Amino acid sequence: MATDLQNPAEPSATTLVAGIIDDVQDLVKQQVELTKKEMTAEMHKAIDAAILYAIGGAVLFIGALILCHSLAHLAHWAGSPTATDPGRIPLWGCFALVGVPLTVTGGVLAWMGRAKVQSIHPLHNPATEALKENVQWATNKK
């Protein structure tokens, strides 16, 4: 009589629980993979930001050095007797014509690198949040 109650076509409770556990494990594995991919994308953003910072800093440094030379030549030009410079543009002006655009370009590149750094949020992405929720759900013992 007890065998009449259980249908052989229906899976047992242990089979159902094992299937649920397998599904949860697959879900967690997929979320870990997605999180890895999102972390890799964030790492690439960080590398791009570091490259912008480095290039911007180098160009800014070179531009500042050239502007310092420009100031030295300006001081020399200001202390020289009039009409002693044969060029149409004094030497300090030539240095300034090169130094100012370099300094501005370096500043812009460094600013772009800073903006890119501020856009990096490695632990605040949808996959990480979902993984945290699933781990919390799986470990929650009521």
Protein backbone atom coordinates (compact mmCIF):
# COMPACT_ATOMS: atom_id res chain seq x y z
CA MET A 1 0.00 0.00 0.00
CA ALA A 2 2.81 2.39 0.73
CA THR A 3 4.17 1.82 -2.74
CA ASP A 4 0.88 2.99 -4.24
CA LEU A 5 1.47 6.53 -2.90
CA GLN A 6 4.78 7.14 -4.68
CA ASN A 7 4.75 7.48 -8.46
CA PRO A 8 7.94 6.14 -10.07
CA ALA A 9 7.83 8.93 -12.70
CA GLU A 10 8.14 11.67 -10.06
CA PRO A 11 11.66 12.46 -8.83
CA SER A 12 12.38 11.99 -5.16
CA ALA A 13 12.97 14.87 -2.74
CA THR A 14 16.71 14.15 -2.61
CA THR A 15 16.91 14.33 -6.41
CA LEU A 16 15.09 17.68 -6.37
CA VAL A 17 17.37 19.07 -3.65
CA ALA A 18 20.46 17.83 -5.49
CA GLY A 19 19.20 19.53 -8.68
CA ILE A 20 18.63 22.79 -6.81
CA ILE A 21 22.12 22.64 -5.29
CA ASP A 22 23.64 21.99 -8.72
CA ASP A 23 21.71 24.93 -10.17
CA VAL A 24 22.90 27.24 -7.36
CA GLN A 25 26.49 26.10 -7.90
CA ASP A 26 26.20 26.78 -11.64
CA LEU A 27 24.72 30.20 -10.95
CA VAL A 28 27.52 31.10 -8.54
CA LYS A 29 30.15 29.91 -11.04
CA GLN A 30 28.58 32.03 -13.79
CA GLN A 31 28.43 35.06 -11.51
CA VAL A 32 32.07 34.60 -10.51
CA GLU A 33 33.03 34.51 -14.21
CA LEU A 34 30.98 37.63 -14.90
CA THR A 35 32.58 39.37 -11.94
CA LYS A 36 36.04 38.42 -13.23
CA LYS A 37 35.20 39.91 -16.62
CA GLU A 38 33.91 43.10 -15.07
CA MET A 39 37.00 43.35 -12.85
CA THR A 40 39.17 42.87 -15.95
CA ALA A 41 37.32 45.71 -17.66
CA GLU A 42 37.90 47.91 -14.60
CA MET A 43 41.58 46.94 -14.63
CA HIS A 44 41.86 48.01 -18.26
CA LYS A 45 40.26 51.35 -17.34
CA ALA A 46 42.84 51.74 -14.55
CA ILE A 47 45.69 50.97 -16.95
CA ASP A 48 44.35 53.52 -19.45
CA ALA A 49 44.09 56.10 -16.67
CA ALA A 50 47.66 55.40 -15.53
CA ILE A 51 48.93 55.79 -19.10
CA LEU A 52 47.11 59.12 -19.46
CA TYR A 53 48.51 60.26 -16.11
CA ALA A 54 52.06 59.26 -17.07
CA ILE A 55 51.98 60.86 -20.51
CA GLY A 56 50.24 63.96 -19.18
CA GLY A 57 52.72 64.30 -16.33
CA ALA A 58 55.71 63.90 -18.65
CA VAL A 59 54.40 66.45 -21.16
CA LEU A 60 53.47 68.82 -18.33
CA PHE A 61 56.96 68.49 -16.84
CA ILE A 62 58.67 69.17 -20.18
CA GLY A 63 56.40 72.17 -20.79
CA ALA A 64 57.17 73.55 -17.34
CA LEU A 65 60.92 73.18 -17.97
CA ILE A 66 60.61 75.04 -21.26
CA LEU A 67 58.62 77.79 -19.56
CA CYS A 68 61.36 78.09 -16.93
CA HIS A 69 63.87 78.58 -19.72
CA SER A 70 61.53 81.15 -21.20
CA LEU A 71 61.53 83.08 -17.93
CA ALA A 72 65.33 82.97 -17.79
CA HIS A 73 65.58 84.33 -21.33
CA LEU A 74 62.94 86.95 -20.51
CA ALA A 75 65.06 88.16 -17.61
CA HIS A 76 68.11 88.27 -19.88
CA TRP A 77 66.18 90.11 -22.61
CA ALA A 78 64.77 92.62 -20.12
CA GLY A 79 68.28 93.44 -18.86
CA SER A 80 69.87 93.74 -22.32
CA PRO A 81 70.31 97.00 -24.18
CA THR A 82 67.62 97.70 -26.76
CA ALA A 83 67.90 96.29 -30.27
CA THR A 84 70.53 93.70 -29.35
CA ASP A 85 68.32 90.72 -30.28
CA PRO A 86 68.47 90.14 -34.05
CA GLY A 87 65.37 87.91 -34.22
CA ARG A 88 61.82 89.10 -34.87
CA ILE A 89 60.64 87.17 -31.81
CA PRO A 90 62.89 87.32 -28.77
CA LEU A 91 64.29 84.00 -27.58
CA TRP A 92 62.11 84.04 -24.48
CA GLY A 93 59.04 84.39 -26.73
CA CYS A 94 60.12 81.37 -28.76
CA PHE A 95 60.46 79.30 -25.61
CA ALA A 96 57.05 80.51 -24.46
CA LEU A 97 55.49 79.62 -27.82
CA VAL A 98 56.63 76.04 -27.31
CA GLY A 99 56.20 75.78 -23.54
CA VAL A 100 52.64 77.05 -23.19
CA PRO A 101 51.00 74.54 -25.59
CA LEU A 102 53.02 71.70 -24.07
CA THR A 103 52.00 72.68 -20.57
CA VAL A 104 48.35 73.01 -21.53
CA THR A 105 48.39 69.67 -23.37
CA GLY A 106 50.04 67.94 -20.41
CA GLY A 107 47.51 69.45 -18.04
CA VAL A 108 44.59 68.30 -20.19
CA LEU A 109 46.00 64.75 -20.44
CA ALA A 110 46.54 64.59 -16.69
CA TRP A 111 43.00 65.90 -16.12
CA MET A 112 41.62 63.22 -18.46
CA GLY A 113 43.56 60.56 -16.54
CA ARG A 114 42.13 61.87 -13.26
CA ALA A 115 38.59 61.76 -14.67
CA LYS A 116 39.13 58.18 -15.82
CA VAL A 117 40.45 57.18 -12.38
CA GLN A 118 37.35 58.62 -10.76
CA SER A 119 35.14 56.50 -13.04
CA ILE A 120 36.68 53.25 -11.76
CA HIS A 121 34.51 51.36 -9.26
CA PRO A 122 35.80 47.78 -9.15
CA LEU A 123 33.54 46.53 -6.37
CA HIS A 124 30.36 48.36 -7.30
CA ASN A 125 29.12 46.55 -10.38
CA PRO A 126 25.97 44.49 -10.94
CA ALA A 127 27.73 41.13 -11.02
CA THR A 128 29.52 41.73 -7.73
CA GLU A 129 26.34 42.88 -6.04
CA ALA A 130 24.42 39.82 -7.32
CA LEU A 131 27.22 37.52 -6.18
CA LYS A 132 27.13 39.09 -2.72
CA GLU A 133 23.35 38.58 -2.56
CA ASN A 134 23.63 34.93 -3.61
CA VAL A 135 26.38 34.18 -1.13
CA GLN A 136 24.39 35.92 1.58
CA TRP A 137 21.27 33.95 0.62
CA ALA A 138 23.19 30.64 0.54
CA THR A 139 24.84 31.23 3.92
CA ASN A 140 21.78 32.71 5.61
CA LYS A 141 20.64 30.28 8.27
CA LYS A 142 17.29 30.99 9.78
